[in-house]
Amino acid sequence: MPVAVVAQTAASGSASPLNTPPAVPVPMLPAPAGPPAKAPAAAPGLSSSASAALPAAVQTYQTNRNLQVRFGNATTFRNLIPSPALEEQAADEYADILHGAAQTGRLLPDSDARVKLARDIAAKVMPYALKWNDRVKNWKWEVNVVRSSEIRMYCLPGGKIVVYSGLFDRVHLNDDELGVLFGHEIAHALREHARERLGEQQSAQIGTGSIPQLFGLADLGATPLGIGSQLLAMRYTPTDETEADVIGSDIAARAGFDPRAAVTLWDKLAAATHSNKEQGFIYVHPYSATRRHDIVKRLPDMLSLYAKARGVPVDSLPDYAGISAVRKGTASR
């Protein structure tokens, strides 16, 4: 039986279809308002066709920072590593990753269909990231794909995105699922979750006055893609995942990707990587019944953003993977 998602406010008291423990309420995400502003310019690593394909709505997107959702203050560990220093080092290590992959014949060329797809998806979601972090306006975005059987993707601080080809070849995600995933990974970077997790790992060394190699770059033959133990071993917390789910879905929905794809996306990733208990995608991004319940519970708000991006009423949206936008007999907002 299809899962029904009612497109109305949380105040309506509609029950979630999943029989799991209730989640902590998440603030509503109002749509940005104000005079139009220019969308960010095309970034390095993005195809010219992707930049040209940006919809007109993106070009007039206005960021209203007073409407941002704040989930809490940065921790002491996060403050141990200044944002500019982390972004600079991430850029250096990203260049090393690409160089090492190129040297071993694992860096996919710009002409590869998977590279083009990754860059096209990124080009659509990037303009909607600015309202969540002021530093984004100075990020030099890059998107590259490395040949690997691993199912993995990162958005490093400063907008450096690397995708393992196994994500495309083994999981077979559709465009909506990819849009939600890119939004999720970018959200981790926007909220500087890696900065906090790495700050915890590096707290002892920061006191020496030098910042260690935060992403532990190693020999490409030693680990998948050559990213060393620190980044591979890093595991986001449930709070990190909640923030990335909310912000990532907001970004993806505004960019025109169906937020209901979050349910099928994480179900697929869980099925494909659950057996890897140490470095699997679902180990790094813990996915539980409670988290799935929360994703579904937030869909009404995200569907409103998606319908607006599509220029259609919510109740006219077709079902997605058995998930309907409205429940029969219930008006949409």
C-alpha atoms as a PDB file:
ATOM      1  CA  MET A   1       0.000   0.000   0.000  1.00  0.00           C
ATOM      2  CA  PRO A   2       1.403   3.453  -0.849  1.00  0.00           C
ATOM      3  CA  VAL A   3       2.797   5.564   1.964  1.00  0.00           C
ATOM      4  CA  ALA A   4       0.692   8.722   2.235  1.00  0.00           C
ATOM      5  CA  VAL A   5       2.405  11.993   3.073  1.00  0.00           C
ATOM      6  CA  VAL A   6       0.043  14.826   3.967  1.00  0.00           C
ATOM      7  CA  ALA A   7       1.187  18.203   2.700  1.00  0.00           C
ATOM      8  CA  GLN A   8       0.096  20.359   5.597  1.00  0.00           C
ATOM      9  CA  THR A   9       1.642  21.967   8.642  1.00  0.00           C
ATOM     10  CA  ALA A  10       2.877  20.017  11.628  1.00  0.00           C
ATOM     11  CA  ALA A  11       0.134  21.659  13.651  1.00  0.00           C
ATOM     12  CA  SER A  12      -2.403  19.502  11.882  1.00  0.00           C
ATOM     13  CA  GLY A  13      -1.369  16.587  14.040  1.00  0.00           C
ATOM     14  CA  SER A  14      -1.264  14.100  11.173  1.00  0.00           C
ATOM     15  CA  ALA A  15       0.321  10.803  12.160  1.00  0.00           C
ATOM     16  CA  SER A  16       3.394   9.381  10.480  1.00  0.00           C
ATOM     17  CA  PRO A  17       2.862   6.108   8.626  1.00  0.00           C
ATOM     18  CA  LEU A  18       5.947   4.551  10.198  1.00  0.00           C
ATOM     19  CA  ASN A  19       5.534   2.870  13.567  1.00  0.00           C
ATOM     20  CA  THR A  20       8.755   4.140  15.137  1.00  0.00           C
ATOM     21  CA  PRO A  21       9.572   6.333  18.148  1.00  0.00           C
ATOM     22  CA  PRO A  22       8.686  10.033  17.709  1.00  0.00           C
ATOM     23  CA  ALA A  23      11.507  12.340  16.691  1.00  0.00           C
ATOM     24  CA  VAL A  24      12.559  15.644  18.180  1.00  0.00           C
ATOM     25  CA  PRO A  25      10.587  18.364  16.340  1.00  0.00           C
ATOM     26  CA  VAL A  26      12.567  20.237  13.700  1.00  0.00           C
ATOM     27  CA  PRO A  27      11.855  23.939  13.016  1.00  0.00           C
ATOM     28  CA  MET A  28       9.818  24.749   9.923  1.00  0.00           C
ATOM     29  CA  LEU A  29      11.838  25.913   6.933  1.00  0.00           C
ATOM     30  CA  PRO A  30      10.279  29.099   5.490  1.00  0.00           C
ATOM     31  CA  ALA A  31      10.938  30.023   1.897  1.00  0.00           C
ATOM     32  CA  PRO A  32      13.441  32.838   1.309  1.00  0.00           C
ATOM     33  CA  ALA A  33      11.986  36.242   0.542  1.00  0.00           C
ATOM     34  CA  GLY A  34      13.282  39.535  -0.668  1.00  0.00           C
ATOM     35  CA  PRO A  35      14.625  41.140  -3.848  1.00  0.00           C
ATOM     36  CA  PRO A  36      16.243  38.865  -6.425  1.00  0.00           C
ATOM     37  CA  ALA A  37      19.969  38.289  -6.416  1.00  0.00           C
ATOM     38  CA  LYS A  38      22.329  36.770  -8.943  1.00  0.00           C
ATOM     39  CA  ALA A  39      23.123  33.078  -8.687  1.00  0.00           C
ATOM     40  CA  PRO A  40      26.759  32.085  -8.125  1.00  0.00           C
ATOM     41  CA  ALA A  41      28.991  31.992 -11.195  1.00  0.00           C
ATOM     42  CA  ALA A  42      30.010  28.717 -12.779  1.00  0.00           C
ATOM     43  CA  ALA A  43      32.584  26.940 -10.657  1.00  0.00           C
ATOM     44  CA  PRO A  44      35.741  25.040 -11.565  1.00  0.00           C
ATOM     45  CA  GLY A  45      35.034  21.390 -12.252  1.00  0.00           C
ATOM     46  CA  LEU A  46      31.541  22.020 -13.625  1.00  0.00           C
ATOM     47  CA  SER A  47      30.683  21.536 -17.278  1.00  0.00           C
ATOM     48  CA  SER A  48      29.633  24.565 -19.286  1.00  0.00           C
ATOM     49  CA  SER A  49      26.429  22.728 -20.206  1.00  0.00           C
ATOM     50  CA  ALA A  50      25.606  22.319 -16.506  1.00  0.00           C
ATOM     51  CA  SER A  51      26.057  26.048 -15.878  1.00  0.00           C
ATOM     52  CA  ALA A  52      23.963  26.930 -18.919  1.00  0.00           C
ATOM     53  CA  ALA A  53      21.217  24.568 -17.770  1.00  0.00           C
ATOM     54  CA  LEU A  54      20.556  26.392 -14.502  1.00  0.00           C
ATOM     55  CA  PRO A  55      16.859  27.330 -14.358  1.00  0.00           C
ATOM     56  CA  ALA A  56      15.743  30.959 -14.373  1.00  0.00           C
ATOM     57  CA  ALA A  57      14.524  30.573 -10.789  1.00  0.00           C
ATOM     58  CA  VAL A  58      18.091  29.940  -9.684  1.00  0.00           C
ATOM     59  CA  GLN A  59      19.282  33.147 -11.322  1.00  0.00           C
ATOM     60  CA  THR A  60      16.865  35.171  -9.202  1.00  0.00           C
ATOM     61  CA  TYR A  61      17.297  33.200  -5.998  1.00  0.00           C
ATOM     62  CA  GLN A  62      17.588  35.456  -2.956  1.00  0.00           C
ATOM     63  CA  THR A  63      19.236  34.359   0.256  1.00  0.00           C
ATOM     64  CA  ASN A  64      17.610  35.753   3.365  1.00  0.00           C
ATOM     65  CA  ARG A  65      19.913  34.885   6.226  1.00  0.00           C
ATOM     66  CA  ASN A  66      17.367  35.905   8.835  1.00  0.00           C
ATOM     67  CA  LEU A  67      15.395  32.786   7.888  1.00  0.00           C
ATOM     68  CA  GLN A  68      18.183  30.324   8.531  1.00  0.00           C
ATOM     69  CA  VAL A  69      17.546  27.419  10.840  1.00  0.00           C
ATOM     70  CA  ARG A  70      20.143  27.308  13.596  1.00  0.00           C
ATOM     71  CA  PHE A  71      20.683  23.945  15.260  1.00  0.00           C
ATOM     72  CA  GLY A  72      23.063  25.059  17.981  1.00  0.00           C
ATOM     73  CA  ASN A  73      26.437  26.590  18.637  1.00  0.00           C
ATOM     74  CA  ALA A  74      29.776  25.285  17.422  1.00  0.00           C
ATOM     75  CA  THR A  75      31.524  23.123  19.967  1.00  0.00           C
ATOM     76  CA  THR A  76      34.941  23.687  21.469  1.00  0.00           C
ATOM     77  CA  PHE A  77      36.400  20.990  19.222  1.00  0.00           C
ATOM     78  CA  ARG A  78      35.060  22.715  16.104  1.00  0.00           C
ATOM     79  CA  ASN A  79      36.663  25.983  17.196  1.00  0.00           C
ATOM     80  CA  LEU A  80      40.070  24.318  17.445  1.00  0.00           C
ATOM     81  CA  ILE A  81      40.329  24.397  13.649  1.00  0.00           C
ATOM     82  CA  PRO A  82      39.578  27.785  12.004  1.00  0.00           C
ATOM     83  CA  SER A  83      37.337  27.552   8.941  1.00  0.00           C
ATOM     84  CA  PRO A  84      39.819  29.278   6.574  1.00  0.00           C
ATOM     85  CA  ALA A  85      42.637  26.959   7.634  1.00  0.00           C
ATOM     86  CA  LEU A  86      40.478  23.874   7.200  1.00  0.00           C
ATOM     87  CA  GLU A  87      39.277  24.967   3.757  1.00  0.00           C
ATOM     88  CA  GLU A  88      42.806  25.771   2.619  1.00  0.00           C
ATOM     89  CA  GLN A  89      44.141  22.430   3.747  1.00  0.00           C
ATOM     90  CA  ALA A  90      41.149  20.610   2.250  1.00  0.00           C
ATOM     91  CA  ALA A  91      41.900  22.269  -1.094  1.00  0.00           C
ATOM     92  CA  ASP A  92      45.544  21.195  -0.929  1.00  0.00           C
ATOM     93  CA  GLU A  93      44.709  17.619  -0.039  1.00  0.00           C
ATOM     94  CA  TYR A  94      41.948  17.515  -2.668  1.00  0.00           C
ATOM     95  CA  ALA A  95      44.535  18.500  -5.282  1.00  0.00           C
ATOM     96  CA  ASP A  96      46.773  15.706  -3.999  1.00  0.00           C
ATOM     97  CA  ILE A  97      43.894  13.227  -4.218  1.00  0.00           C
ATOM     98  CA  LEU A  98      43.214  14.187  -7.838  1.00  0.00           C
ATOM     99  CA  HIS A  99      46.913  14.061  -8.698  1.00  0.00           C
ATOM    100  CA  GLY A 100      47.304  10.621  -7.128  1.00  0.00           C
ATOM    101  CA  ALA A 101      44.179   9.337  -8.876  1.00  0.00           C
ATOM    102  CA  ALA A 102      45.406  10.697 -12.208  1.00  0.00           C
ATOM    103  CA  GLN A 103      48.816   9.092 -11.723  1.00  0.00           C
ATOM    104  CA  THR A 104      47.216   5.686 -11.211  1.00  0.00           C
ATOM    105  CA  GLY A 105      44.711   6.081 -14.052  1.00  0.00           C
ATOM    106  CA  ARG A 106      41.741   6.314 -11.707  1.00  0.00           C
ATOM    107  CA  LEU A 107      40.629   9.906 -12.295  1.00  0.00           C
ATOM    108  CA  LEU A 108      37.720   9.770 -14.717  1.00  0.00           C
ATOM    109  CA  PRO A 109      37.950  12.224 -17.643  1.00  0.00           C
ATOM    110  CA  ASP A 110      35.584  15.150 -18.136  1.00  0.00           C
ATOM    111  CA  SER A 111      34.012  13.264 -21.047  1.00  0.00           C
ATOM    112  CA  ASP A 112      32.882  10.357 -18.857  1.00  0.00           C
ATOM    113  CA  ALA A 113      29.097  10.223 -18.482  1.00  0.00           C
ATOM    114  CA  ARG A 114      29.385   9.775 -14.703  1.00  0.00           C
ATOM    115  CA  VAL A 115      31.489  12.925 -14.379  1.00  0.00           C
ATOM    116  CA  LYS A 116      29.031  14.906 -16.475  1.00  0.00           C
ATOM    117  CA  LEU A 117      26.111  13.636 -14.384  1.00  0.00           C
ATOM    118  CA  ALA A 118      27.820  14.473 -11.083  1.00  0.00           C
ATOM    119  CA  ARG A 119      28.631  17.982 -12.264  1.00  0.00           C
ATOM    120  CA  ASP A 120      25.155  18.568 -13.651  1.00  0.00           C
ATOM    121  CA  ILE A 121      23.542  17.535 -10.351  1.00  0.00           C
ATOM    122  CA  ALA A 122      25.972  19.692  -8.369  1.00  0.00           C
ATOM    123  CA  ALA A 123      25.336  22.707 -10.605  1.00  0.00           C
ATOM    124  CA  LYS A 124      21.629  22.528  -9.808  1.00  0.00           C
ATOM    125  CA  VAL A 125      21.943  22.296  -6.013  1.00  0.00           C
ATOM    126  CA  MET A 126      24.910  24.605  -5.356  1.00  0.00           C
ATOM    127  CA  PRO A 127      23.058  27.936  -5.737  1.00  0.00           C
ATOM    128  CA  TYR A 128      20.734  27.040  -2.873  1.00  0.00           C
ATOM    129  CA  ALA A 129      23.553  26.404  -0.390  1.00  0.00           C
ATOM    130  CA  LEU A 130      24.500  30.041   0.177  1.00  0.00           C
ATOM    131  CA  LYS A 131      21.804  30.854   2.710  1.00  0.00           C
ATOM    132  CA  TRP A 132      23.130  28.228   5.097  1.00  0.00           C
ATOM    133  CA  ASN A 133      26.704  29.489   5.403  1.00  0.00           C
ATOM    134  CA  ASP A 134      28.116  32.899   4.491  1.00  0.00           C
ATOM    135  CA  ARG A 135      31.467  31.370   3.560  1.00  0.00           C
ATOM    136  CA  VAL A 136      29.927  29.634   0.534  1.00  0.00           C
ATOM    137  CA  LYS A 137      30.156  32.789  -1.549  1.00  0.00           C
ATOM    138  CA  ASN A 138      33.953  32.345  -1.547  1.00  0.00           C
ATOM    139  CA  TRP A 139      34.015  28.592  -2.115  1.00  0.00           C
ATOM    140  CA  LYS A 140      35.680  27.388  -5.291  1.00  0.00           C
ATOM    141  CA  TRP A 141      33.525  24.389  -6.104  1.00  0.00           C
ATOM    142  CA  GLU A 142      35.033  21.336  -7.785  1.00  0.00           C
ATOM    143  CA  VAL A 143      33.419  18.000  -8.668  1.00  0.00           C
ATOM    144  CA  ASN A 144      35.389  14.945  -9.732  1.00  0.00           C
ATOM    145  CA  VAL A 145      34.802  11.198  -9.950  1.00  0.00           C
ATOM    146  CA  VAL A 146      37.424   8.555  -9.189  1.00  0.00           C
ATOM    147  CA  ARG A 147      37.261   4.976 -10.432  1.00  0.00           C
ATOM    148  CA  SER A 148      36.677   2.711  -7.437  1.00  0.00           C
ATOM    149  CA  SER A 149      34.365  -0.118  -6.504  1.00  0.00           C
ATOM    150  CA  GLU A 150      33.647   1.606  -3.192  1.00  0.00           C
ATOM    151  CA  ILE A 151      30.280   3.293  -2.592  1.00  0.00           C
ATOM    152  CA  ARG A 152      31.339   6.642  -1.227  1.00  0.00           C
ATOM    153  CA  MET A 153      31.066  10.390  -1.687  1.00  0.00           C
ATOM    154  CA  TYR A 154      32.410  13.434   0.154  1.00  0.00           C
ATOM    155  CA  CYS A 155      31.987  17.169   0.038  1.00  0.00           C
ATOM    156  CA  LEU A 156      35.124  18.487   1.691  1.00  0.00           C
ATOM    157  CA  PRO A 157      35.201  21.915   3.368  1.00  0.00           C
ATOM    158  CA  GLY A 158      35.316  24.650   0.742  1.00  0.00           C
ATOM    159  CA  GLY A 159      33.119  22.813  -1.768  1.00  0.00           C
ATOM    160  CA  LYS A 160      35.500  20.098  -2.970  1.00  0.00           C
ATOM    161  CA  ILE A 161      33.387  17.118  -4.023  1.00  0.00           C
ATOM    162  CA  VAL A 162      34.736  13.666  -4.807  1.00  0.00           C
ATOM    163  CA  VAL A 163      32.560  10.732  -5.840  1.00  0.00           C
ATOM    164  CA  TYR A 164      33.626   7.109  -6.079  1.00  0.00           C
ATOM    165  CA  SER A 165      32.374   5.519  -9.301  1.00  0.00           C
ATOM    166  CA  GLY A 166      30.975   2.587  -7.295  1.00  0.00           C
ATOM    167  CA  LEU A 167      28.164   4.915  -6.219  1.00  0.00           C
ATOM    168  CA  PHE A 168      27.008   5.105  -9.828  1.00  0.00           C
ATOM    169  CA  ASP A 169      27.900   1.579 -10.911  1.00  0.00           C
ATOM    170  CA  ARG A 170      26.609  -0.442  -7.969  1.00  0.00           C
ATOM    171  CA  VAL A 171      23.682   1.466  -6.461  1.00  0.00           C
ATOM    172  CA  HIS A 172      22.056   2.811  -9.642  1.00  0.00           C
ATOM    173  CA  LEU A 173      20.543   5.964  -8.175  1.00  0.00           C
ATOM    174  CA  ASN A 174      18.106   8.074 -10.179  1.00  0.00           C
ATOM    175  CA  ASP A 175      18.511  11.842 -10.579  1.00  0.00           C
ATOM    176  CA  ASP A 176      16.212  12.674  -7.647  1.00  0.00           C
ATOM    177  CA  GLU A 177      18.156  10.356  -5.352  1.00  0.00           C
ATOM    178  CA  LEU A 178      21.446  11.848  -6.524  1.00  0.00           C
ATOM    179  CA  GLY A 179      20.101  15.362  -5.982  1.00  0.00           C
ATOM    180  CA  VAL A 180      19.119  14.526  -2.404  1.00  0.00           C
ATOM    181  CA  LEU A 181      22.485  12.840  -1.775  1.00  0.00           C
ATOM    182  CA  PHE A 182      24.456  15.800  -3.129  1.00  0.00           C
ATOM    183  CA  GLY A 183      22.343  18.113  -0.981  1.00  0.00           C
ATOM    184  CA  HIS A 184      23.017  15.936   2.065  1.00  0.00           C
ATOM    185  CA  GLU A 185      26.787  15.827   1.559  1.00  0.00           C
ATOM    186  CA  ILE A 186      26.956  19.559   0.859  1.00  0.00           C
ATOM    187  CA  ALA A 187      24.929  20.144   4.028  1.00  0.00           C
ATOM    188  CA  HIS A 188      27.582  18.346   6.074  1.00  0.00           C
ATOM    189  CA  ALA A 189      30.143  20.782   4.659  1.00  0.00           C
ATOM    190  CA  LEU A 190      27.876  23.781   5.246  1.00  0.00           C
ATOM    191  CA  ARG A 191      27.429  22.844   8.897  1.00  0.00           C
ATOM    192  CA  GLU A 192      31.157  22.061   9.189  1.00  0.00           C
ATOM    193  CA  HIS A 193      30.548  18.634  10.682  1.00  0.00           C
ATOM    194  CA  ALA A 194      33.944  17.407   9.486  1.00  0.00           C
ATOM    195  CA  ARG A 195      35.534  20.381  11.211  1.00  0.00           C
ATOM    196  CA  GLU A 196      33.976  19.298  14.487  1.00  0.00           C
ATOM    197  CA  ARG A 197      34.698  15.577  14.124  1.00  0.00           C
ATOM    198  CA  LEU A 198      38.272  16.196  12.987  1.00  0.00           C
ATOM    199  CA  GLY A 199      38.701  18.747  15.750  1.00  0.00           C
ATOM    200  CA  GLU A 200      37.939  15.999  18.231  1.00  0.00           C
ATOM    201  CA  GLN A 201      40.504  13.728  16.608  1.00  0.00           C
ATOM    202  CA  GLN A 202      43.173  16.406  16.363  1.00  0.00           C
ATOM    203  CA  SER A 203      42.686  18.215  19.684  1.00  0.00           C
ATOM    204  CA  ALA A 204      45.930  16.894  21.114  1.00  0.00           C
ATOM    205  CA  GLN A 205      47.981  17.944  18.090  1.00  0.00           C
ATOM    206  CA  ILE A 206      46.463  21.387  17.582  1.00  0.00           C
ATOM    207  CA  GLY A 207      48.222  22.534  20.747  1.00  0.00           C
ATOM    208  CA  THR A 208      51.580  22.144  19.042  1.00  0.00           C
ATOM    209  CA  GLY A 209      50.841  25.167  16.854  1.00  0.00           C
ATOM    210  CA  SER A 210      50.540  23.268  13.566  1.00  0.00           C
ATOM    211  CA  ILE A 211      47.536  21.736  11.875  1.00  0.00           C
ATOM    212  CA  PRO A 212      48.126  18.089  10.974  1.00  0.00           C
ATOM    213  CA  GLN A 213      47.075  16.511   7.723  1.00  0.00           C
ATOM    214  CA  LEU A 214      43.393  16.465   8.551  1.00  0.00           C
ATOM    215  CA  PHE A 215      42.284  14.038   5.890  1.00  0.00           C
ATOM    216  CA  GLY A 216      45.181  11.656   6.393  1.00  0.00           C
ATOM    217  CA  LEU A 217      46.127  11.415   2.711  1.00  0.00           C
ATOM    218  CA  ALA A 218      47.955   8.162   2.114  1.00  0.00           C
ATOM    219  CA  ASP A 219      49.278   6.088  -0.747  1.00  0.00           C
ATOM    220  CA  LEU A 220      46.515   5.532  -3.294  1.00  0.00           C
ATOM    221  CA  GLY A 221      47.121   1.809  -3.279  1.00  0.00           C
ATOM    222  CA  ALA A 222      46.695   1.521   0.488  1.00  0.00           C
ATOM    223  CA  THR A 223      43.087   2.686   0.880  1.00  0.00           C
ATOM    224  CA  PRO A 224      40.102   3.306  -1.372  1.00  0.00           C
ATOM    225  CA  LEU A 225      40.803   6.563  -3.206  1.00  0.00           C
ATOM    226  CA  GLY A 226      43.830   7.164  -0.982  1.00  0.00           C
ATOM    227  CA  ILE A 227      41.975   9.047   1.738  1.00  0.00           C
ATOM    228  CA  GLY A 228      43.524   7.852   4.967  1.00  0.00           C
ATOM    229  CA  SER A 229      42.181   6.495   8.185  1.00  0.00           C
ATOM    230  CA  GLN A 230      41.011   9.748   9.774  1.00  0.00           C
ATOM    231  CA  LEU A 231      38.378  10.664   7.199  1.00  0.00           C
ATOM    232  CA  LEU A 232      37.409   7.076   6.477  1.00  0.00           C
ATOM    233  CA  ALA A 233      37.016   6.329  10.181  1.00  0.00           C
ATOM    234  CA  MET A 234      35.037   9.509  10.861  1.00  0.00           C
ATOM    235  CA  ARG A 235      31.425   8.766  11.738  1.00  0.00           C
ATOM    236  CA  TYR A 236      28.765  11.432  11.845  1.00  0.00           C
ATOM    237  CA  THR A 237      26.494  11.643  14.875  1.00  0.00           C
ATOM    238  CA  PRO A 238      22.689  11.324  14.751  1.00  0.00           C
ATOM    239  CA  THR A 239      22.489  15.095  15.266  1.00  0.00           C
ATOM    240  CA  ASP A 240      24.837  15.638  12.316  1.00  0.00           C
ATOM    241  CA  GLU A 241      22.613  13.421  10.196  1.00  0.00           C
ATOM    242  CA  THR A 242      19.443  15.237  11.245  1.00  0.00           C
ATOM    243  CA  GLU A 243      20.975  18.578  10.272  1.00  0.00           C
ATOM    244  CA  ALA A 244      22.210  17.213   6.950  1.00  0.00           C
ATOM    245  CA  ASP A 245      18.833  15.593   6.240  1.00  0.00           C
ATOM    246  CA  VAL A 246      16.908  18.823   6.889  1.00  0.00           C
ATOM    247  CA  ILE A 247      19.286  21.190   5.122  1.00  0.00           C
ATOM    248  CA  GLY A 248      20.127  18.773   2.318  1.00  0.00           C
ATOM    249  CA  SER A 249      16.469  18.086   1.537  1.00  0.00           C
ATOM    250  CA  ASP A 250      15.722  21.817   1.632  1.00  0.00           C
ATOM    251  CA  ILE A 251      18.516  22.466  -0.881  1.00  0.00           C
ATOM    252  CA  ALA A 252      17.509  19.566  -3.130  1.00  0.00           C
ATOM    253  CA  ALA A 253      13.795  20.397  -3.090  1.00  0.00           C
ATOM    254  CA  ARG A 254      14.428  24.038  -4.008  1.00  0.00           C
ATOM    255  CA  ALA A 255      16.640  22.796  -6.850  1.00  0.00           C
ATOM    256  CA  GLY A 256      13.770  20.728  -8.236  1.00  0.00           C
ATOM    257  CA  PHE A 257      14.622  17.257  -6.912  1.00  0.00           C
ATOM    258  CA  ASP A 258      11.814  15.241  -5.333  1.00  0.00           C
ATOM    259  CA  PRO A 259      12.485  15.078  -1.558  1.00  0.00           C
ATOM    260  CA  ARG A 260      10.652  11.743  -1.324  1.00  0.00           C
ATOM    261  CA  ALA A 261      13.739  10.287  -3.003  1.00  0.00           C
ATOM    262  CA  ALA A 262      15.467  10.555   0.390  1.00  0.00           C
ATOM    263  CA  VAL A 263      13.536   7.481   1.537  1.00  0.00           C
ATOM    264  CA  THR A 264      14.529   5.287  -1.402  1.00  0.00           C
ATOM    265  CA  LEU A 265      18.060   6.733  -1.436  1.00  0.00           C
ATOM    266  CA  TRP A 266      18.910   5.750   2.123  1.00  0.00           C
ATOM    267  CA  ASP A 267      17.116   2.410   1.821  1.00  0.00           C
ATOM    268  CA  LYS A 268      19.278   1.605  -1.209  1.00  0.00           C
ATOM    269  CA  LEU A 269      22.499   2.767   0.461  1.00  0.00           C
ATOM    270  CA  ALA A 270      21.668   0.764   3.582  1.00  0.00           C
ATOM    271  CA  ALA A 271      21.064  -2.380   1.550  1.00  0.00           C
ATOM    272  CA  ALA A 272      24.267  -1.901  -0.449  1.00  0.00           C
ATOM    273  CA  THR A 273      26.673  -1.017   2.378  1.00  0.00           C
ATOM    274  CA  HIS A 274      25.299  -2.439   5.634  1.00  0.00           C
ATOM    275  CA  SER A 275      27.750  -5.356   5.593  1.00  0.00           C
ATOM    276  CA  ASN A 276      30.758  -2.996   5.799  1.00  0.00           C
ATOM    277  CA  LYS A 277      30.770  -2.418   9.548  1.00  0.00           C
ATOM    278  CA  GLU A 278      33.919  -0.247   9.579  1.00  0.00           C
ATOM    279  CA  GLN A 279      33.843   2.074   6.576  1.00  0.00           C
ATOM    280  CA  GLY A 280      30.502   1.525   4.817  1.00  0.00           C
ATOM    281  CA  PHE A 281      28.376   4.483   3.833  1.00  0.00           C
ATOM    282  CA  ILE A 282      25.770   3.573   6.434  1.00  0.00           C
ATOM    283  CA  TYR A 283      28.491   3.306   9.074  1.00  0.00           C
ATOM    284  CA  VAL A 284      29.661   6.847   8.284  1.00  0.00           C
ATOM    285  CA  HIS A 285      26.056   8.100   8.000  1.00  0.00           C
ATOM    286  CA  PRO A 286      24.102   6.095  10.621  1.00  0.00           C
ATOM    287  CA  TYR A 287      20.640   5.181   9.307  1.00  0.00           C
ATOM    288  CA  SER A 288      18.073   3.837  11.720  1.00  0.00           C
ATOM    289  CA  ALA A 289      14.310   3.319  11.755  1.00  0.00           C
ATOM    290  CA  THR A 290      14.027   6.530  13.763  1.00  0.00           C
ATOM    291  CA  ARG A 291      15.970   8.516  11.184  1.00  0.00           C
ATOM    292  CA  ARG A 292      13.836   7.074   8.373  1.00  0.00           C
ATOM    293  CA  HIS A 293      10.709   7.989  10.328  1.00  0.00           C
ATOM    294  CA  ASP A 294      11.964  11.557  10.732  1.00  0.00           C
ATOM    295  CA  ILE A 295      12.712  11.886   6.993  1.00  0.00           C
ATOM    296  CA  VAL A 296       9.145  10.838   6.134  1.00  0.00           C
ATOM    297  CA  LYS A 297       7.704  13.105   8.834  1.00  0.00           C
ATOM    298  CA  ARG A 298       9.385  16.162   7.314  1.00  0.00           C
ATOM    299  CA  LEU A 299       8.263  15.421   3.755  1.00  0.00           C
ATOM    300  CA  PRO A 300       5.177  17.706   3.797  1.00  0.00           C
ATOM    301  CA  ASP A 301       7.340  20.799   4.282  1.00  0.00           C
ATOM    302  CA  MET A 302       9.883  19.643   1.695  1.00  0.00           C
ATOM    303  CA  LEU A 303       7.162  18.775  -0.817  1.00  0.00           C
ATOM    304  CA  SER A 304       5.868  22.341  -0.594  1.00  0.00           C
ATOM    305  CA  LEU A 305       9.332  23.604  -1.597  1.00  0.00           C
ATOM    306  CA  TYR A 306       9.564  21.027  -4.376  1.00  0.00           C
ATOM    307  CA  ALA A 307       6.126  21.867  -5.764  1.00  0.00           C
ATOM    308  CA  LYS A 308       7.036  25.555  -5.749  1.00  0.00           C
ATOM    309  CA  ALA A 309      10.257  24.800  -7.644  1.00  0.00           C
ATOM    310  CA  ARG A 310       8.216  22.826 -10.174  1.00  0.00           C
ATOM    311  CA  GLY A 311       5.599  25.577 -10.383  1.00  0.00           C
ATOM    312  CA  VAL A 312       2.701  23.243  -9.577  1.00  0.00           C
ATOM    313  CA  PRO A 313       0.322  22.686  -6.626  1.00  0.00           C
ATOM    314  CA  VAL A 314       1.393  20.031  -4.159  1.00  0.00           C
ATOM    315  CA  ASP A 315      -1.727  17.958  -4.764  1.00  0.00           C
ATOM    316  CA  SER A 316      -0.877  17.676  -8.461  1.00  0.00           C
ATOM    317  CA  LEU A 317       2.434  15.924  -7.805  1.00  0.00           C
ATOM    318  CA  PRO A 318       2.403  12.285  -8.904  1.00  0.00           C
ATOM    319  CA  ASP A 319       3.222   9.472  -6.487  1.00  0.00           C
ATOM    320  CA  TYR A 320       6.886   8.678  -6.028  1.00  0.00           C
ATOM    321  CA  ALA A 321       7.869   5.094  -5.210  1.00  0.00           C
ATOM    322  CA  GLY A 322       4.491   4.489  -3.580  1.00  0.00           C
ATOM    323  CA  ILE A 323       4.679   7.731  -1.574  1.00  0.00           C
ATOM    324  CA  SER A 324       1.853  10.141  -2.357  1.00  0.00           C
ATOM    325  CA  ALA A 325       2.075  13.896  -1.858  1.00  0.00           C
ATOM    326  CA  VAL A 326      -1.374  14.165  -0.276  1.00  0.00           C
ATOM    327  CA  ARG A 327      -3.816  11.908   1.485  1.00  0.00           C
ATOM    328  CA  LYS A 328      -7.185  11.508  -0.217  1.00  0.00           C
ATOM    329  CA  GLY A 329      -9.732  13.895   1.265  1.00  0.00           C
ATOM    330  CA  THR A 330      -7.111  16.151   2.838  1.00  0.00           C
ATOM    331  CA  ALA A 331      -6.394  19.563   1.386  1.00  0.00           C
ATOM    332  CA  SER A 332      -2.816  20.554   0.657  1.00  0.00           C
ATOM    333  CA  ARG A 333      -1.406  23.804   1.805  1.00  0.00           C
END
